[in-house]
């Protein structure tokens, strides 16, 4: 899933995002990486840092996609729906794993 999300970040053909959405994705990626780094630190017995709120970052990304890409309320183009579903799954799995560690 991370590789597929990276394709959006790299703007590969068929994975293009508008600049505001790319910025929101970059922030989501940054917070997601911090959560994963924190999990690795806990495995090594290091103290946890202040937790970043990945849920808030996803919500901001979702709102940005909807405001930039929606022609009508609650209707997103298929590519943006796929992007949000992929990102939501990454968020959910990352949070679930973090809670278990």
PDB file of N, CA and C in Angstrom:
ATOM      1  N   UNK A   1       0.827  -1.195   0.000  1.00  0.00           N
ATOM      2  CA  UNK A   1       0.000   0.000   0.000  1.00  0.00           C
ATOM      3  C   UNK A   1       0.866   1.252   0.000  1.00  0.00           C
ATOM      4  N   UNK A   2       1.986   1.213   0.749  1.00  0.00           N
ATOM      5  CA  UNK A   2       2.866   2.388   0.800  1.00  0.00           C
ATOM      6  C   UNK A   2       3.459   2.659  -0.581  1.00  0.00           C
ATOM      7  N   UNK A   3       3.779   1.616  -1.336  1.00  0.00           N
ATOM      8  CA  UNK A   3       4.328   1.822  -2.678  1.00  0.00           C
ATOM      9  C   UNK A   3       3.288   2.454  -3.585  1.00  0.00           C
ATOM     10  N   UNK A   4       2.064   1.991  -3.488  1.00  0.00           N
ATOM     11  CA  UNK A   4       0.997   2.596  -4.296  1.00  0.00           C
ATOM     12  C   UNK A   4       0.805   4.057  -3.919  1.00  0.00           C
ATOM     13  N   UNK A   5       0.856   4.361  -2.622  1.00  0.00           N
ATOM     14  CA  UNK A   5       0.712   5.755  -2.192  1.00  0.00           C
ATOM     15  C   UNK A   5       1.896   6.595  -2.665  1.00  0.00           C
ATOM     16  N   UNK A   6       3.079   5.990  -2.681  1.00  0.00           N
ATOM     17  CA  UNK A   6       4.267   6.695  -3.170  1.00  0.00           C
ATOM     18  C   UNK A   6       4.088   7.115  -4.634  1.00  0.00           C
ATOM     19  N   UNK A   7       3.402   6.314  -5.422  1.00  0.00           N
ATOM     20  CA  UNK A   7       3.173   6.659  -6.829  1.00  0.00           C
ATOM     21  C   UNK A   7       2.438   7.991  -6.942  1.00  0.00           C
ATOM     22  N   UNK A   8       1.504   8.247  -6.032  1.00  0.00           N
ATOM     23  CA  UNK A   8       0.824   9.540  -6.021  1.00  0.00           C
ATOM     24  C   UNK A   8       1.807  10.642  -5.646  1.00  0.00           C
ATOM     25  N   UNK A   9       2.641  10.365  -4.666  1.00  0.00           N
ATOM     26  CA  UNK A   9       3.629  11.356  -4.225  1.00  0.00           C
ATOM     27  C   UNK A   9       4.612  11.691  -5.338  1.00  0.00           C
ATOM     28  N   UNK A  10       4.976  10.672  -6.133  1.00  0.00           N
ATOM     29  CA  UNK A  10       5.923  10.865  -7.237  1.00  0.00           C
ATOM     30  C   UNK A  10       5.244  11.398  -8.502  1.00  0.00           C
ATOM     31  N   UNK A  11       3.918  11.505  -8.470  1.00  0.00           N
ATOM     32  CA  UNK A  11       3.146  12.016  -9.608  1.00  0.00           C
ATOM     33  C   UNK A  11       3.368  11.192 -10.881  1.00  0.00           C
ATOM     34  N   UNK A  12       3.436   9.869 -10.720  1.00  0.00           N
ATOM     35  CA  UNK A  12       3.583   9.005 -11.884  1.00  0.00           C
ATOM     36  C   UNK A  12       2.334   9.120 -12.755  1.00  0.00           C
ATOM     37  N   UNK A  13       2.444   8.818 -14.044  1.00  0.00           N
ATOM     38  CA  UNK A  13       1.273   8.912 -14.920  1.00  0.00           C
ATOM     39  C   UNK A  13       0.097   8.099 -14.359  1.00  0.00           C
ATOM     40  N   UNK A  14      -1.051   8.751 -14.286  1.00  0.00           N
ATOM     41  CA  UNK A  14      -2.237   8.121 -13.739  1.00  0.00           C
ATOM     42  C   UNK A  14      -2.380   8.302 -12.237  1.00  0.00           C
ATOM     43  N   UNK A  15      -1.366   8.889 -11.602  1.00  0.00           N
ATOM     44  CA  UNK A  15      -1.377   9.084 -10.154  1.00  0.00           C
ATOM     45  C   UNK A  15      -1.179  10.559  -9.804  1.00  0.00           C
ATOM     46  N   UNK A  16      -1.577  11.456 -10.679  1.00  0.00           N
ATOM     47  CA  UNK A  16      -1.373  12.878 -10.465  1.00  0.00           C
ATOM     48  C   UNK A  16      -2.381  13.423  -9.457  1.00  0.00           C
ATOM     49  N   UNK A  17      -1.901  14.330  -8.604  1.00  0.00           N
ATOM     50  CA  UNK A  17      -2.747  15.025  -7.635  1.00  0.00           C
ATOM     51  C   UNK A  17      -2.513  16.518  -7.778  1.00  0.00           C
ATOM     52  N   UNK A  18      -3.512  17.304  -7.402  1.00  0.00           N
ATOM     53  CA  UNK A  18      -3.333  18.755  -7.421  1.00  0.00           C
ATOM     54  C   UNK A  18      -2.327  19.146  -6.339  1.00  0.00           C
ATOM     55  N   UNK A  19      -1.735  20.323  -6.477  1.00  0.00           N
ATOM     56  CA  UNK A  19      -0.712  20.764  -5.528  1.00  0.00           C
ATOM     57  C   UNK A  19      -1.221  20.835  -4.087  1.00  0.00           C
ATOM     58  N   UNK A  20      -2.421  21.376  -3.822  1.00  0.00           N
ATOM     59  CA  UNK A  20      -2.895  21.385  -2.430  1.00  0.00           C
ATOM     60  C   UNK A  20      -3.066  19.980  -1.850  1.00  0.00           C
ATOM     61  N   UNK A  21      -3.520  19.039  -2.668  1.00  0.00           N
ATOM     62  CA  UNK A  21      -3.678  17.662  -2.202  1.00  0.00           C
ATOM     63  C   UNK A  21      -2.310  17.028  -1.969  1.00  0.00           C
ATOM     64  N   UNK A  22      -1.364  17.301  -2.850  1.00  0.00           N
ATOM     65  CA  UNK A  22      -0.003  16.775  -2.655  1.00  0.00           C
ATOM     66  C   UNK A  22       0.589  17.280  -1.346  1.00  0.00           C
ATOM     67  N   UNK A  23       0.362  18.528  -1.015  1.00  0.00           N
ATOM     68  CA  UNK A  23       0.887  19.078   0.242  1.00  0.00           C
ATOM     69  C   UNK A  23       0.244  18.382   1.440  1.00  0.00           C
ATOM     70  N   UNK A  24      -1.049  18.144   1.371  1.00  0.00           N
ATOM     71  CA  UNK A  24      -1.742  17.441   2.457  1.00  0.00           C
ATOM     72  C   UNK A  24      -1.273  15.991   2.539  1.00  0.00           C
ATOM     73  N   UNK A  25      -1.012  15.378   1.397  1.00  0.00           N
ATOM     74  CA  UNK A  25      -0.493  14.009   1.400  1.00  0.00           C
ATOM     75  C   UNK A  25       0.897  13.971   2.025  1.00  0.00           C
ATOM     76  N   UNK A  26       1.707  14.955   1.723  1.00  0.00           N
ATOM     77  CA  UNK A  26       3.056  15.013   2.285  1.00  0.00           C
ATOM     78  C   UNK A  26       2.985  15.101   3.814  1.00  0.00           C
ATOM     79  N   UNK A  27       2.071  15.907   4.334  1.00  0.00           N
ATOM     80  CA  UNK A  27       1.902  16.022   5.786  1.00  0.00           C
ATOM     81  C   UNK A  27       1.426  14.694   6.377  1.00  0.00           C
ATOM     82  N   UNK A  28       0.490  14.031   5.707  1.00  0.00           N
ATOM     83  CA  UNK A  28       0.021  12.717   6.162  1.00  0.00           C
ATOM     84  C   UNK A  28       1.178  11.723   6.169  1.00  0.00           C
ATOM     85  N   UNK A  29       1.967  11.696   5.113  1.00  0.00           N
ATOM     86  CA  UNK A  29       3.113  10.788   5.030  1.00  0.00           C
ATOM     87  C   UNK A  29       4.105  11.055   6.161  1.00  0.00           C
ATOM     88  N   UNK A  30       4.342  12.322   6.458  1.00  0.00           N
ATOM     89  CA  UNK A  30       5.270  12.704   7.517  1.00  0.00           C
ATOM     90  C   UNK A  30       4.773  12.190   8.879  1.00  0.00           C
ATOM     91  N   UNK A  31       3.496  12.395   9.152  1.00  0.00           N
ATOM     92  CA  UNK A  31       2.944  11.947  10.442  1.00  0.00           C
ATOM     93  C   UNK A  31       2.897  10.421  10.510  1.00  0.00           C
ATOM     94  N   UNK A  32       2.578   9.778   9.403  1.00  0.00           N
ATOM     95  CA  UNK A  32       2.573   8.323   9.358  1.00  0.00           C
ATOM     96  C   UNK A  32       3.973   7.777   9.631  1.00  0.00           C
ATOM     97  N   UNK A  33       4.983   8.382   9.043  1.00  0.00           N
ATOM     98  CA  UNK A  33       6.367   7.960   9.267  1.00  0.00           C
ATOM     99  C   UNK A  33       6.765   8.144  10.730  1.00  0.00           C
ATOM    100  N   UNK A  34       6.314   9.224  11.354  1.00  0.00           N
ATOM    101  CA  UNK A  34       6.628   9.450  12.761  1.00  0.00           C
ATOM    102  C   UNK A  34       5.993   8.375  13.643  1.00  0.00           C
ATOM    103  N   UNK A  35       4.781   7.960  13.321  1.00  0.00           N
ATOM    104  CA  UNK A  35       4.121   6.896  14.083  1.00  0.00           C
ATOM    105  C   UNK A  35       4.914   5.602  13.932  1.00  0.00           C
ATOM    106  N   UNK A  36       5.355   5.285  12.712  1.00  0.00           N
ATOM    107  CA  UNK A  36       6.142   4.075  12.484  1.00  0.00           C
ATOM    108  C   UNK A  36       7.491   4.149  13.190  1.00  0.00           C
ATOM    109  N   UNK A  37       8.131   5.313  13.166  1.00  0.00           N
ATOM    110  CA  UNK A  37       9.400   5.491  13.889  1.00  0.00           C
ATOM    111  C   UNK A  37       9.208   5.287  15.389  1.00  0.00           C
ATOM    112  N   UNK A  38       8.108   5.802  15.918  1.00  0.00           N
ATOM    113  CA  UNK A  38       7.822   5.644  17.334  1.00  0.00           C
ATOM    114  C   UNK A  38       7.631   4.170  17.686  1.00  0.00           C
ATOM    115  N   UNK A  39       6.971   3.414  16.804  1.00  0.00           N
ATOM    116  CA  UNK A  39       6.807   1.981  17.046  1.00  0.00           C
ATOM    117  C   UNK A  39       8.171   1.288  17.080  1.00  0.00           C
ATOM    118  N   UNK A  40       9.043   1.646  16.162  1.00  0.00           N
ATOM    119  CA  UNK A  40      10.384   1.057  16.135  1.00  0.00           C
ATOM    120  C   UNK A  40      11.148   1.392  17.414  1.00  0.00           C
ATOM    121  N   UNK A  41      11.014   2.621  17.886  1.00  0.00           N
ATOM    122  CA  UNK A  41      11.671   3.014  19.132  1.00  0.00           C
ATOM    123  C   UNK A  41      11.158   2.171  20.304  1.00  0.00           C
ATOM    124  N   UNK A  42       9.867   1.929  20.350  1.00  0.00           N
ATOM    125  CA  UNK A  42       9.303   1.125  21.438  1.00  0.00           C
ATOM    126  C   UNK A  42       9.815  -0.306  21.392  1.00  0.00           C
ATOM    127  N   UNK A  43       9.995  -0.851  20.177  1.00  0.00           N
ATOM    128  CA  UNK A  43      10.577  -2.187  20.047  1.00  0.00           C
ATOM    129  C   UNK A  43      11.985  -2.226  20.638  1.00  0.00           C
ATOM    130  N   UNK A  44      12.711  -1.150  20.483  1.00  0.00           N
ATOM    131  CA  UNK A  44      14.080  -1.067  20.978  1.00  0.00           C
ATOM    132  C   UNK A  44      14.144  -0.652  22.442  1.00  0.00           C
ATOM    133  N   UNK A  45      12.995  -0.450  23.078  1.00  0.00           N
ATOM    134  CA  UNK A  45      12.956  -0.109  24.485  1.00  0.00           C
ATOM    135  C   UNK A  45      13.151   1.365  24.775  1.00  0.00           C
ATOM    136  N   UNK A  46      13.089   2.200  23.757  1.00  0.00           N
ATOM    137  CA  UNK A  46      13.238   3.640  23.960  1.00  0.00           C
ATOM    138  C   UNK A  46      11.901   4.248  24.351  1.00  0.00           C
ATOM    139  N   UNK A  47      11.970   5.363  25.037  1.00  0.00           N
ATOM    140  CA  UNK A  47      10.749   6.054  25.464  1.00  0.00           C
ATOM    141  C   UNK A  47       9.981   6.568  24.259  1.00  0.00           C
ATOM    142  N   UNK A  48       8.681   6.538  24.380  1.00  0.00           N
ATOM    143  CA  UNK A  48       7.827   7.061  23.313  1.00  0.00           C
ATOM    144  C   UNK A  48       7.843   8.579  23.320  1.00  0.00           C
ATOM    145  N   UNK A  49       7.749   9.128  22.145  1.00  0.00           N
ATOM    146  CA  UNK A  49       7.613  10.582  22.016  1.00  0.00           C
ATOM    147  C   UNK A  49       6.139  10.931  22.078  1.00  0.00           C
ATOM    148  N   UNK A  50       5.891  12.220  22.049  1.00  0.00           N
ATOM    149  CA  UNK A  50       4.503  12.686  21.981  1.00  0.00           C
ATOM    150  C   UNK A  50       3.869  12.103  20.725  1.00  0.00           C
ATOM    151  N   UNK A  51       2.705  11.537  20.883  1.00  0.00           N
ATOM    152  CA  UNK A  51       2.043  10.901  19.750  1.00  0.00           C
ATOM    153  C   UNK A  51       1.479  11.943  18.793  1.00  0.00           C
ATOM    154  N   UNK A  52       1.693  11.682  17.510  1.00  0.00           N
ATOM    155  CA  UNK A  52       1.095  12.527  16.480  1.00  0.00           C
ATOM    156  C   UNK A  52      -0.299  12.000  16.182  1.00  0.00           C
ATOM    157  N   UNK A  53      -1.190  12.895  15.850  1.00  0.00           N
ATOM    158  CA  UNK A  53      -2.554  12.495  15.582  1.00  0.00           C
ATOM    159  C   UNK A  53      -2.718  12.215  14.096  1.00  0.00           C
ATOM    160  N   UNK A  54      -2.552  10.950  13.743  1.00  0.00           N
ATOM    161  CA  UNK A  54      -2.660  10.539  12.354  1.00  0.00           C
ATOM    162  C   UNK A  54      -4.085  10.680  11.842  1.00  0.00           C
ATOM    163  N   UNK A  55      -5.054  10.483  12.744  1.00  0.00           N
ATOM    164  CA  UNK A  55      -6.457  10.617  12.337  1.00  0.00           C
ATOM    165  C   UNK A  55      -6.750  12.034  11.846  1.00  0.00           C
ATOM    166  N   UNK A  56      -6.250  13.039  12.580  1.00  0.00           N
ATOM    167  CA  UNK A  56      -6.471  14.429  12.171  1.00  0.00           C
ATOM    168  C   UNK A  56      -5.819  14.715  10.825  1.00  0.00           C
ATOM    169  N   UNK A  57      -4.630  14.182  10.634  1.00  0.00           N
ATOM    170  CA  UNK A  57      -3.927  14.389   9.375  1.00  0.00           C
ATOM    171  C   UNK A  57      -4.707  13.779   8.208  1.00  0.00           C
ATOM    172  N   UNK A  58      -5.275  12.586   8.434  1.00  0.00           N
ATOM    173  CA  UNK A  58      -6.085  11.973   7.381  1.00  0.00           C
ATOM    174  C   UNK A  58      -7.332  12.797   7.103  1.00  0.00           C
ATOM    175  N   UNK A  59      -7.976  13.284   8.157  1.00  0.00           N
ATOM    176  CA  UNK A  59      -9.181  14.103   7.972  1.00  0.00           C
ATOM    177  C   UNK A  59      -8.874  15.359   7.153  1.00  0.00           C
ATOM    178  N   UNK A  60      -7.746  15.989   7.426  1.00  0.00           N
ATOM    179  CA  UNK A  60      -7.346  17.176   6.663  1.00  0.00           C
ATOM    180  C   UNK A  60      -7.097  16.812   5.201  1.00  0.00           C
ATOM    181  N   UNK A  61      -6.446  15.688   4.977  1.00  0.00           N
ATOM    182  CA  UNK A  61      -6.199  15.231   3.613  1.00  0.00           C
ATOM    183  C   UNK A  61      -7.515  14.955   2.895  1.00  0.00           C
ATOM    184  N   UNK A  62      -8.413  14.280   3.576  1.00  0.00           N
ATOM    185  CA  UNK A  62      -9.718  13.971   2.991  1.00  0.00           C
ATOM    186  C   UNK A  62     -10.484  15.234   2.621  1.00  0.00           C
ATOM    187  N   UNK A  63     -10.488  16.212   3.498  1.00  0.00           N
ATOM    188  CA  UNK A  63     -11.176  17.474   3.216  1.00  0.00           C
ATOM    189  C   UNK A  63     -10.537  18.207   2.033  1.00  0.00           C
ATOM    190  N   UNK A  64      -9.209  18.154   1.956  1.00  0.00           N
ATOM    191  CA  UNK A  64      -8.520  18.801   0.843  1.00  0.00           C
ATOM    192  C   UNK A  64      -8.883  18.131  -0.474  1.00  0.00           C
ATOM    193  N   UNK A  65      -8.924  16.815  -0.502  1.00  0.00           N
ATOM    194  CA  UNK A  65      -9.309  16.090  -1.722  1.00  0.00           C
ATOM    195  C   UNK A  65     -10.723  16.471  -2.110  1.00  0.00           C
ATOM    196  N   UNK A  66     -11.612  16.480  -1.147  1.00  0.00           N
ATOM    197  CA  UNK A  66     -13.009  16.803  -1.453  1.00  0.00           C
ATOM    198  C   UNK A  66     -13.169  18.232  -1.952  1.00  0.00           C
ATOM    199  N   UNK A  67     -12.447  19.170  -1.364  1.00  0.00           N
ATOM    200  CA  UNK A  67     -12.590  20.560  -1.788  1.00  0.00           C
ATOM    201  C   UNK A  67     -11.931  20.822  -3.140  1.00  0.00           C
ATOM    202  N   UNK A  68     -10.877  20.107  -3.446  1.00  0.00           N
ATOM    203  CA  UNK A  68     -10.155  20.339  -4.706  1.00  0.00           C
ATOM    204  C   UNK A  68     -10.690  19.516  -5.875  1.00  0.00           C
ATOM    205  N   UNK A  69     -11.264  18.385  -5.583  1.00  0.00           N
ATOM    206  CA  UNK A  69     -11.553  17.427  -6.652  1.00  0.00           C
ATOM    207  C   UNK A  69     -13.024  17.162  -6.897  1.00  0.00           C
ATOM    208  N   UNK A  70     -13.889  17.613  -6.038  1.00  0.00           N
ATOM    209  CA  UNK A  70     -15.294  17.281  -6.161  1.00  0.00           C
ATOM    210  C   UNK A  70     -16.033  18.317  -6.997  1.00  0.00           C
ATOM    211  N   UNK A  71     -16.718  17.851  -7.998  1.00  0.00           N
ATOM    212  CA  UNK A  71     -17.539  18.736  -8.815  1.00  0.00           C
ATOM    213  C   UNK A  71     -18.891  18.969  -8.150  1.00  0.00           C
ATOM    214  N   UNK A  72     -19.362  17.938  -7.462  1.00  0.00           N
ATOM    215  CA  UNK A  72     -20.616  18.038  -6.728  1.00  0.00           C
ATOM    216  C   UNK A  72     -20.385  17.480  -5.327  1.00  0.00           C
ATOM    217  N   UNK A  73     -21.115  17.966  -4.354  1.00  0.00           N
ATOM    218  CA  UNK A  73     -20.939  17.448  -2.994  1.00  0.00           C
ATOM    219  C   UNK A  73     -21.079  15.931  -2.941  1.00  0.00           C
ATOM    220  N   UNK A  74     -20.183  15.300  -2.207  1.00  0.00           N
ATOM    221  CA  UNK A  74     -20.173  13.860  -1.967  1.00  0.00           C
ATOM    222  C   UNK A  74     -19.915  13.021  -3.215  1.00  0.00           C
ATOM    223  N   UNK A  75     -19.494  13.645  -4.316  1.00  0.00           N
ATOM    224  CA  UNK A  75     -19.147  12.878  -5.509  1.00  0.00           C
ATOM    225  C   UNK A  75     -17.716  13.209  -5.903  1.00  0.00           C
ATOM    226  N   UNK A  76     -16.851  12.205  -5.783  1.00  0.00           N
ATOM    227  CA  UNK A  76     -15.451  12.377  -6.160  1.00  0.00           C
ATOM    228  C   UNK A  76     -15.162  11.544  -7.403  1.00  0.00           C
ATOM    229  N   UNK A  77     -14.255  12.025  -8.239  1.00  0.00           N
ATOM    230  CA  UNK A  77     -13.819  11.183  -9.357  1.00  0.00           C
ATOM    231  C   UNK A  77     -13.224   9.877  -8.834  1.00  0.00           C
ATOM    232  N   UNK A  78     -13.294   8.846  -9.624  1.00  0.00           N
ATOM    233  CA  UNK A  78     -12.843   7.505  -9.216  1.00  0.00           C
ATOM    234  C   UNK A  78     -11.396   7.505  -8.732  1.00  0.00           C
ATOM    235  N   UNK A  79     -10.502   8.218  -9.404  1.00  0.00           N
ATOM    236  CA  UNK A  79      -9.092   8.239  -9.006  1.00  0.00           C
ATOM    237  C   UNK A  79      -8.928   8.798  -7.593  1.00  0.00           C
ATOM    238  N   UNK A  80      -9.678   9.824  -7.262  1.00  0.00           N
ATOM    239  CA  UNK A  80      -9.580  10.405  -5.930  1.00  0.00           C
ATOM    240  C   UNK A  80     -10.214   9.494  -4.875  1.00  0.00           C
ATOM    241  N   UNK A  81     -11.281   8.787  -5.250  1.00  0.00           N
ATOM    242  CA  UNK A  81     -11.881   7.813  -4.337  1.00  0.00           C
ATOM    243  C   UNK A  81     -10.878   6.708  -4.018  1.00  0.00           C
ATOM    244  N   UNK A  82     -10.175   6.236  -5.039  1.00  0.00           N
ATOM    245  CA  UNK A  82      -9.161   5.196  -4.853  1.00  0.00           C
ATOM    246  C   UNK A  82      -8.036   5.701  -3.955  1.00  0.00           C
ATOM    247  N   UNK A  83      -7.586   6.926  -4.201  1.00  0.00           N
ATOM    248  CA  UNK A  83      -6.533   7.526  -3.396  1.00  0.00           C
ATOM    249  C   UNK A  83      -6.948   7.612  -1.928  1.00  0.00           C
ATOM    250  N   UNK A  84      -8.166   8.079  -1.673  1.00  0.00           N
ATOM    251  CA  UNK A  84      -8.636   8.200  -0.292  1.00  0.00           C
ATOM    252  C   UNK A  84      -8.812   6.833   0.373  1.00  0.00           C
ATOM    253  N   UNK A  85      -9.305   5.863  -0.356  1.00  0.00           N
ATOM    254  CA  UNK A  85      -9.463   4.520   0.204  1.00  0.00           C
ATOM    255  C   UNK A  85      -8.107   3.933   0.574  1.00  0.00           C
ATOM    256  N   UNK A  86      -7.147   4.075  -0.293  1.00  0.00           N
ATOM    257  CA  UNK A  86      -5.798   3.594  -0.026  1.00  0.00           C
ATOM    258  C   UNK A  86      -5.212   4.280   1.204  1.00  0.00           C
ATOM    259  N   UNK A  87      -5.335   5.588   1.268  1.00  0.00           N
ATOM    260  CA  UNK A  87      -4.797   6.340   2.396  1.00  0.00           C
ATOM    261  C   UNK A  87      -5.525   5.989   3.686  1.00  0.00           C
ATOM    262  N   UNK A  88      -6.834   5.832   3.628  1.00  0.00           N
ATOM    263  CA  UNK A  88      -7.616   5.455   4.819  1.00  0.00           C
ATOM    264  C   UNK A  88      -7.168   4.085   5.331  1.00  0.00           C
ATOM    265  N   UNK A  89      -6.919   3.143   4.423  1.00  0.00           N
ATOM    266  CA  UNK A  89      -6.462   1.819   4.843  1.00  0.00           C
ATOM    267  C   UNK A  89      -5.088   1.886   5.504  1.00  0.00           C
ATOM    268  N   UNK A  90      -4.194   2.702   4.968  1.00  0.00           N
ATOM    269  CA  UNK A  90      -2.876   2.873   5.573  1.00  0.00           C
ATOM    270  C   UNK A  90      -3.021   3.480   6.965  1.00  0.00           C
ATOM    271  N   UNK A  91      -3.852   4.486   7.081  1.00  0.00           N
ATOM    272  CA  UNK A  91      -4.082   5.123   8.386  1.00  0.00           C
ATOM    273  C   UNK A  91      -4.612   4.110   9.383  1.00  0.00           C
ATOM    274  N   UNK A  92      -5.609   3.347   9.003  1.00  0.00           N
ATOM    275  CA  UNK A  92      -6.240   2.382   9.888  1.00  0.00           C
ATOM    276  C   UNK A  92      -5.257   1.306  10.340  1.00  0.00           C
ATOM    277  N   UNK A  93      -4.499   0.760   9.408  1.00  0.00           N
ATOM    278  CA  UNK A  93      -3.530  -0.275   9.756  1.00  0.00           C
ATOM    279  C   UNK A  93      -2.409   0.266  10.637  1.00  0.00           C
ATOM    280  N   UNK A  94      -1.941   1.461  10.340  1.00  0.00           N
ATOM    281  CA  UNK A  94      -0.870   2.062  11.137  1.00  0.00           C
ATOM    282  C   UNK A  94      -1.336   2.306  12.566  1.00  0.00           C
ATOM    283  N   UNK A  95      -2.524   2.848  12.730  1.00  0.00           N
ATOM    284  CA  UNK A  95      -3.061   3.106  14.064  1.00  0.00           C
ATOM    285  C   UNK A  95      -3.290   1.805  14.815  1.00  0.00           C
ATOM    286  N   UNK A  96      -3.859   0.811  14.153  1.00  0.00           N
ATOM    287  CA  UNK A  96      -4.106  -0.471  14.790  1.00  0.00           C
ATOM    288  C   UNK A  96      -2.801  -1.111  15.261  1.00  0.00           C
ATOM    289  N   UNK A  97      -1.804  -1.119  14.425  1.00  0.00           N
ATOM    290  CA  UNK A  97      -0.514  -1.685  14.788  1.00  0.00           C
ATOM    291  C   UNK A  97       0.124  -0.909  15.940  1.00  0.00           C
ATOM    292  N   UNK A  98       0.042   0.400  15.884  1.00  0.00           N
ATOM    293  CA  UNK A  98       0.607   1.234  16.939  1.00  0.00           C
ATOM    294  C   UNK A  98      -0.031   0.941  18.290  1.00  0.00           C
ATOM    295  N   UNK A  99      -1.324   0.711  18.301  1.00  0.00           N
ATOM    296  CA  UNK A  99      -2.030   0.411  19.551  1.00  0.00           C
ATOM    297  C   UNK A  99      -1.625  -0.945  20.116  1.00  0.00           C
ATOM    298  N   UNK A 100      -1.312  -1.881  19.233  1.00  0.00           N
ATOM    299  CA  UNK A 100      -0.936  -3.215  19.689  1.00  0.00           C
ATOM    300  C   UNK A 100       0.491  -3.273  20.224  1.00  0.00           C
ATOM    301  N   UNK A 101       1.330  -2.337  19.828  1.00  0.00           N
ATOM    302  CA  UNK A 101       2.732  -2.375  20.239  1.00  0.00           C
ATOM    303  C   UNK A 101       2.909  -1.653  21.552  1.00  0.00           C
TER     304      UNK A 101
END
